[in-house]
C-alpha atoms as a PDB file:
ATOM      1  CA  MET A   1      88.570  73.561  92.917  1.00  0.00           C
ATOM      2  CA  GLY A   2      85.168  74.265  91.481  1.00  0.00           C
ATOM      3  CA  GLU A   3      84.133  74.305  87.865  1.00  0.00           C
ATOM      4  CA  GLU A   4      83.954  78.091  87.615  1.00  0.00           C
ATOM      5  CA  LYS A   5      86.766  79.177  89.952  1.00  0.00           C
ATOM      6  CA  MET A   6      90.370  78.243  90.632  1.00  0.00           C
ATOM      7  CA  THR A   7      92.038  78.831  93.987  1.00  0.00           C
ATOM      8  CA  ALA A   8      95.757  78.920  94.730  1.00  0.00           C
ATOM      9  CA  LYS A   9      97.132  79.540  98.187  1.00  0.00           C
ATOM     10  CA  ALA A  10     100.338  79.333 100.160  1.00  0.00           C
ATOM     11  CA  PRO A  11     101.149  77.169 103.171  1.00  0.00           C
ATOM     12  CA  VAL A  12     100.286  78.319 106.661  1.00  0.00           C
ATOM     13  CA  GLN A  13     103.750  79.379 107.738  1.00  0.00           C
ATOM     14  CA  ALA A  14     103.154  82.986 108.781  1.00  0.00           C
ATOM     15  CA  ALA A  15     102.758  82.115 112.469  1.00  0.00           C
ATOM     16  CA  VAL A  16     106.164  80.425 112.632  1.00  0.00           C
ATOM     17  CA  THR A  17     107.827  83.255 110.707  1.00  0.00           C
ATOM     18  CA  ILE A  18     106.293  85.895 112.972  1.00  0.00           C
ATOM     19  CA  LEU A  19     107.352  83.916 116.071  1.00  0.00           C
ATOM     20  CA  VAL A  20     110.960  83.798 114.849  1.00  0.00           C
ATOM     21  CA  LEU A  21     110.753  87.501 114.011  1.00  0.00           C
ATOM     22  CA  CYS A  22     109.522  88.321 117.545  1.00  0.00           C
ATOM     23  CA  MET A  23     112.364  86.275 119.015  1.00  0.00           C
ATOM     24  CA  GLY A  24     114.843  88.305 116.957  1.00  0.00           C
ATOM     25  CA  ILE A  25     113.291  91.586 118.094  1.00  0.00           C
ATOM     26  CA  GLY A  26     113.409  90.380 121.703  1.00  0.00           C
ATOM     27  CA  TYR A  27     117.082  89.543 121.312  1.00  0.00           C
ATOM     28  CA  GLU A  28     117.711  93.016 119.876  1.00  0.00           C
ATOM     29  CA  ILE A  29     115.951  94.682 122.835  1.00  0.00           C
ATOM     30  CA  TRP A  30     117.932  92.517 125.258  1.00  0.00           C
ATOM     31  CA  GLY A  31     121.142  93.519 123.458  1.00  0.00           C
ATOM     32  CA  LEU A  32     120.291  97.213 123.794  1.00  0.00           C
ATOM     33  CA  GLN A  33     119.914  96.762 127.551  1.00  0.00           C
ATOM     34  CA  GLN A  34     123.282  95.004 127.847  1.00  0.00           C
ATOM     35  CA  ILE A  35     125.316  97.549 125.896  1.00  0.00           C
ATOM     36  CA  ASP A  36     128.077  99.529 127.580  1.00  0.00           C
ATOM     37  CA  TRP A  37     127.103 103.046 126.499  1.00  0.00           C
ATOM     38  CA  SER A  38     130.490 104.461 127.533  1.00  0.00           C
ATOM     39  CA  ASN A  39     132.346 102.241 125.039  1.00  0.00           C
ATOM     40  CA  PRO A  40     132.222 103.622 121.448  1.00  0.00           C
ATOM     41  CA  GLU A  41     133.056 100.201 119.960  1.00  0.00           C
ATOM     42  CA  SER A  42     130.000  98.655 121.641  1.00  0.00           C
ATOM     43  CA  ILE A  43     127.791 101.466 120.361  1.00  0.00           C
ATOM     44  CA  ILE A  44     129.073 101.100 116.780  1.00  0.00           C
ATOM     45  CA  LEU A  45     128.614  97.321 116.923  1.00  0.00           C
ATOM     46  CA  MET A  46     125.049  97.741 118.211  1.00  0.00           C
ATOM     47  CA  ILE A  47     124.259 100.279 115.450  1.00  0.00           C
ATOM     48  CA  ILE A  48     125.515  97.839 112.808  1.00  0.00           C
ATOM     49  CA  LEU A  49     123.584  94.934 114.342  1.00  0.00           C
ATOM     50  CA  SER A  50     120.443  97.091 114.599  1.00  0.00           C
ATOM     51  CA  ALA A  51     120.708  98.071 110.921  1.00  0.00           C
ATOM     52  CA  VAL A  52     121.097  94.417 109.907  1.00  0.00           C
ATOM     53  CA  MET A  53     118.124  93.506 112.115  1.00  0.00           C
ATOM     54  CA  ILE A  54     115.910  96.228 110.585  1.00  0.00           C
ATOM     55  CA  ILE A  55     116.762  95.077 107.056  1.00  0.00           C
ATOM     56  CA  THR A  56     116.082  91.456 108.054  1.00  0.00           C
ATOM     57  CA  ILE A  57     112.753  92.380 109.654  1.00  0.00           C
ATOM     58  CA  TRP A  58     111.671  94.248 106.503  1.00  0.00           C
ATOM     59  CA  TYR A  59     112.692  91.330 104.282  1.00  0.00           C
ATOM     60  CA  VAL A  60     110.861  88.788 106.469  1.00  0.00           C
ATOM     61  CA  LEU A  61     107.682  90.897 106.600  1.00  0.00           C
ATOM     62  CA  CYS A  62     107.684  91.305 102.807  1.00  0.00           C
ATOM     63  CA  SER A  63     108.233  87.568 102.454  1.00  0.00           C
ATOM     64  CA  VAL A  64     105.347  86.784 104.831  1.00  0.00           C
ATOM     65  CA  PHE A  65     102.975  88.983 102.830  1.00  0.00           C
ATOM     66  CA  GLU A  66     104.239  87.676  99.483  1.00  0.00           C
ATOM     67  CA  ARG A  67     103.886  84.020 100.463  1.00  0.00           C
ATOM     68  CA  ASN A  68     100.553  84.187 102.300  1.00  0.00           C
ATOM     69  CA  LYS A  69      98.353  85.507  99.523  1.00  0.00           C
ATOM     70  CA  LYS A  70      95.326  83.503  98.447  1.00  0.00           C
ATOM     71  CA  LEU A  71      94.258  83.778  94.809  1.00  0.00           C
ATOM     72  CA  ILE A  72      90.710  83.135  93.623  1.00  0.00           C
ATOM     73  CA  MET A  73      90.457  83.245  89.836  1.00  0.00           C
ATOM     74  CA  ASP A  74      87.398  83.146  87.617  1.00  0.00           C
ATOM     75  CA  LYS A  75      86.388  84.333  84.140  1.00  0.00           C
ATOM     76  CA  GLU A  76      86.036  87.949  85.358  1.00  0.00           C
ATOM     77  CA  GLY A  77      89.428  88.271  87.019  1.00  0.00           C
ATOM     78  CA  CYS A  78      91.361  87.473  90.152  1.00  0.00           C
ATOM     79  CA  ILE A  79      90.807  88.245  93.824  1.00  0.00           C
ATOM     80  CA  VAL A  80      93.986  88.479  95.887  1.00  0.00           C
ATOM     81  CA  SER A  81      93.340  88.057  99.594  1.00  0.00           C
ATOM     82  CA  ILE A  82      95.630  88.180 102.592  1.00  0.00           C
ATOM     83  CA  TRP A  83      94.409  87.982 106.181  1.00  0.00           C
ATOM     84  CA  GLY A  84      90.908  89.240 105.339  1.00  0.00           C
ATOM     85  CA  TYR A  85      91.968  92.100 103.032  1.00  0.00           C
ATOM     86  CA  LYS A  86      90.800  91.502  99.465  1.00  0.00           C
ATOM     87  CA  LYS A  87      91.718  93.241  96.225  1.00  0.00           C
ATOM     88  CA  ALA A  88      89.927  92.351  92.992  1.00  0.00           C
ATOM     89  CA  TYR A  89      91.517  92.723  89.565  1.00  0.00           C
ATOM     90  CA  LYS A  90      89.828  92.345  86.196  1.00  0.00           C
ATOM     91  CA  TRP A  91      91.965  90.395  83.729  1.00  0.00           C
ATOM     92  CA  GLU A  92      92.256  93.447  81.468  1.00  0.00           C
ATOM     93  CA  GLU A  93      93.636  95.535  84.387  1.00  0.00           C
ATOM     94  CA  LEU A  94      96.685  93.288  84.662  1.00  0.00           C
ATOM     95  CA  CYS A  95      99.495  94.474  82.392  1.00  0.00           C
ATOM     96  CA  VAL A  96     101.719  91.508  83.331  1.00  0.00           C
ATOM     97  CA  LYS A  97     100.346  88.017  82.593  1.00  0.00           C
ATOM     98  CA  GLN A  98     103.416  85.948  81.802  1.00  0.00           C
ATOM     99  CA  ILE A  99     104.531  82.335  81.870  1.00  0.00           C
ATOM    100  CA  VAL A 100     108.039  82.273  83.354  1.00  0.00           C
ATOM    101  CA  TYR A 101     110.635  79.965  84.833  1.00  0.00           C
ATOM    102  CA  ASN A 102     111.118  80.017  88.598  1.00  0.00           C
ATOM    103  CA  THR A 103     114.598  80.459  89.983  1.00  0.00           C
ATOM    104  CA  SER A 104     115.940  81.119  93.421  1.00  0.00           C
ATOM    105  CA  ILE A 105     119.265  82.129  94.856  1.00  0.00           C
ATOM    106  CA  SER A 106     118.533  79.718  97.691  1.00  0.00           C
ATOM    107  CA  SER A 107     117.479  76.956  95.323  1.00  0.00           C
ATOM    108  CA  ARG A 108     118.017  74.240  97.919  1.00  0.00           C
ATOM    109  CA  ARG A 109     114.860  75.231  99.793  1.00  0.00           C
ATOM    110  CA  SER A 110     112.264  72.498  99.751  1.00  0.00           C
ATOM    111  CA  TYR A 111     109.518  74.507  98.083  1.00  0.00           C
ATOM    112  CA  ASP A 112     111.716  76.573  95.769  1.00  0.00           C
ATOM    113  CA  THR A 113     113.135  73.572  93.899  1.00  0.00           C
ATOM    114  CA  GLN A 114     109.845  71.834  93.222  1.00  0.00           C
ATOM    115  CA  TYR A 115     108.521  74.493  90.846  1.00  0.00           C
ATOM    116  CA  ILE A 116     110.178  75.068  87.508  1.00  0.00           C
ATOM    117  CA  GLU A 117     107.474  77.100  85.786  1.00  0.00           C
ATOM    118  CA  GLY A 118     104.685  79.399  86.821  1.00  0.00           C
ATOM    119  CA  VAL A 119     102.629  82.409  85.803  1.00  0.00           C
ATOM    120  CA  ILE A 120     103.093  85.894  87.223  1.00  0.00           C
ATOM    121  CA  PHE A 121     100.431  88.596  87.296  1.00  0.00           C
ATOM    122  CA  SER A 122     100.742  92.287  88.131  1.00  0.00           C
ATOM    123  CA  PRO A 123      98.755  95.470  87.490  1.00  0.00           C
ATOM    124  CA  GLN A 124     102.082  97.325  87.120  1.00  0.00           C
ATOM    125  CA  PRO A 125     105.173  96.563  85.032  1.00  0.00           C
ATOM    126  CA  VAL A 126     107.725  94.338  86.788  1.00  0.00           C
ATOM    127  CA  LYS A 127     111.382  95.037  86.036  1.00  0.00           C
ATOM    128  CA  ARG A 128     113.382  91.840  85.832  1.00  0.00           C
ATOM    129  CA  LYS A 129     116.994  91.200  84.956  1.00  0.00           C
ATOM    130  CA  TYR A 130     116.086  88.203  82.805  1.00  0.00           C
ATOM    131  CA  PRO A 131     112.618  88.246  81.175  1.00  0.00           C
ATOM    132  CA  ALA A 132     112.317  84.447  81.143  1.00  0.00           C
ATOM    133  CA  TYR A 133     112.804  84.074  84.906  1.00  0.00           C
ATOM    134  CA  ILE A 134     111.324  85.348  88.146  1.00  0.00           C
ATOM    135  CA  THR A 135     113.554  85.139  91.194  1.00  0.00           C
ATOM    136  CA  TYR A 136     112.675  84.921  94.856  1.00  0.00           C
ATOM    137  CA  CYS A 137     114.166  88.401  95.368  1.00  0.00           C
ATOM    138  CA  GLU A 138     112.004  89.866  92.592  1.00  0.00           C
ATOM    139  CA  ARG A 139     108.887  88.223  94.024  1.00  0.00           C
ATOM    140  CA  THR A 140     109.717  89.698  97.428  1.00  0.00           C
ATOM    141  CA  ARG A 141     110.571  93.146  96.010  1.00  0.00           C
ATOM    142  CA  TYR A 142     107.154  93.416  94.337  1.00  0.00           C
ATOM    143  CA  TRP A 143     105.220  91.882  97.258  1.00  0.00           C
ATOM    144  CA  LYS A 144     102.418  94.457  97.065  1.00  0.00           C
ATOM    145  CA  THR A 145     101.545  94.128  93.384  1.00  0.00           C
ATOM    146  CA  LEU A 146     102.920  90.818  92.105  1.00  0.00           C
ATOM    147  CA  PHE A 147     101.057  87.558  92.532  1.00  0.00           C
ATOM    148  CA  TYR A 148     101.702  84.223  90.918  1.00  0.00           C
ATOM    149  CA  VAL A 149     100.866  80.564  90.576  1.00  0.00           C
ATOM    150  CA  ASN A 150     103.346  77.692  90.361  1.00  0.00           C
ATOM    151  CA  PHE A 151     102.874  74.684  88.121  1.00  0.00           C
ATOM    152  CA  VAL A 152     103.119  71.316  89.855  1.00  0.00           C
ATOM    153  CA  LEU A 153     105.828  69.191  88.240  1.00  0.00           C
ATOM    154  CA  GLU A 154     104.688  66.317  86.048  1.00  0.00           C
ATOM    155  CA  GLY A 155     104.315  63.144  88.058  1.00  0.00           C
ATOM    156  CA  LYS A 156     104.107  65.023  91.372  1.00  0.00           C
ATOM    157  CA  LYS A 157     100.986  65.589  93.441  1.00  0.00           C
ATOM    158  CA  LYS A 158      99.799  68.906  94.792  1.00  0.00           C
ATOM    159  CA  GLN A 159     100.820  69.420  98.394  1.00  0.00           C
ATOM    160  CA  PRO A 160      97.797  70.660 100.353  1.00  0.00           C
ATOM    161  CA  TYR A 161      99.761  72.046 103.303  1.00  0.00           C
ATOM    162  CA  MET A 162     103.209  72.835 101.922  1.00  0.00           C
ATOM    163  CA  GLY A 163     102.442  73.827  98.337  1.00  0.00           C
ATOM    164  CA  LEU A 164     103.106  77.425  97.341  1.00  0.00           C
ATOM    165  CA  HIS A 165     100.291  78.706  95.086  1.00  0.00           C
ATOM    166  CA  GLU A 166     100.157  75.360  93.271  1.00  0.00           C
ATOM    167  CA  VAL A 167      98.005  74.650  90.236  1.00  0.00           C
ATOM    168  CA  GLU A 168      97.920  71.832  87.719  1.00  0.00           C
ATOM    169  CA  LYS A 169      99.514  73.220  84.554  1.00  0.00           C
ATOM    170  CA  GLU A 170      97.114  71.767  81.981  1.00  0.00           C
ATOM    171  CA  GLU A 171      94.013  72.618  84.008  1.00  0.00           C
ATOM    172  CA  PHE A 172      95.215  76.184  84.637  1.00  0.00           C
ATOM    173  CA  LEU A 173      96.167  76.868  81.006  1.00  0.00           C
ATOM    174  CA  SER A 174      92.857  75.365  79.880  1.00  0.00           C
ATOM    175  CA  LYS A 175      90.915  77.680  82.227  1.00  0.00           C
ATOM    176  CA  MET A 176      92.898  80.714  81.072  1.00  0.00           C
ATOM    177  CA  GLN A 177      92.086  79.861  77.458  1.00  0.00           C
ATOM    178  CA  GLU A 178      88.417  79.226  78.307  1.00  0.00           C
ATOM    179  CA  TRP A 179      88.195  82.596  80.088  1.00  0.00           C
ATOM    180  CA  GLY A 180      89.938  84.405  77.207  1.00  0.00           C
ATOM    181  CA  VAL A 181      93.017  85.381  79.220  1.00  0.00           C
ATOM    182  CA  GLU A 182      96.090  85.695  77.002  1.00  0.00           C
ATOM    183  CA  LEU A 183      99.345  84.720  78.692  1.00  0.00           C
ATOM    184  CA  GLU A 184     102.647  85.912  77.260  1.00  0.00           C
ATOM    185  CA  ASP A 185     105.184  83.072  77.174  1.00  0.00           C
ATOM    186  CA  MET A 186     108.472  84.564  78.380  1.00  0.00           C
ATOM    187  CA  ARG A 187     110.334  81.240  78.676  1.00  0.00           C
ATOM    188  CA  GLU A 188     112.036  81.623  75.296  1.00  0.00           C
ATOM    189  CA  LYS A 189     113.214  85.202  75.953  1.00  0.00           C
ATOM    190  CA  LYS A 190     116.574  84.997  77.675  1.00  0.00           C
END
């Protein structure tokens, strides 16, 4: 991290996710070739499995985009980049700049349990069930507009290859204050 800019990025896991996704699509295509088209039960089963597969594919693609963003922040604003596409936001363009708790339905995941707090940013309002928390599902639902940083737990080191948008809490909050960015603390609002 330089003096004037802060960078937060996700681990390089997109290739593995896309490989697993392609394997699932291949299995689906193989299943379509094996179906007995004269048996209505087989057709109904394949329709149900295809619907589940389509929903899973959509969820995985949203997750890949949500987790593979790179954030470059400076006093002017934030640049969100993913696979060469960049979108710049001025700090005043972001209507959501909130400190929140992280939660996850699948809280046993290795990188979901190591972050308790973070900051979310969005140019559009983000509807959440509980204002003090951001869930994995909410982060995935708003994959196009929501971006965030996670605070490294006290006593832990940043993980260069597995960390998910990690920043040091004190350094990040200090930079936000230095750049005049006001963060709304949602942690007390249950």
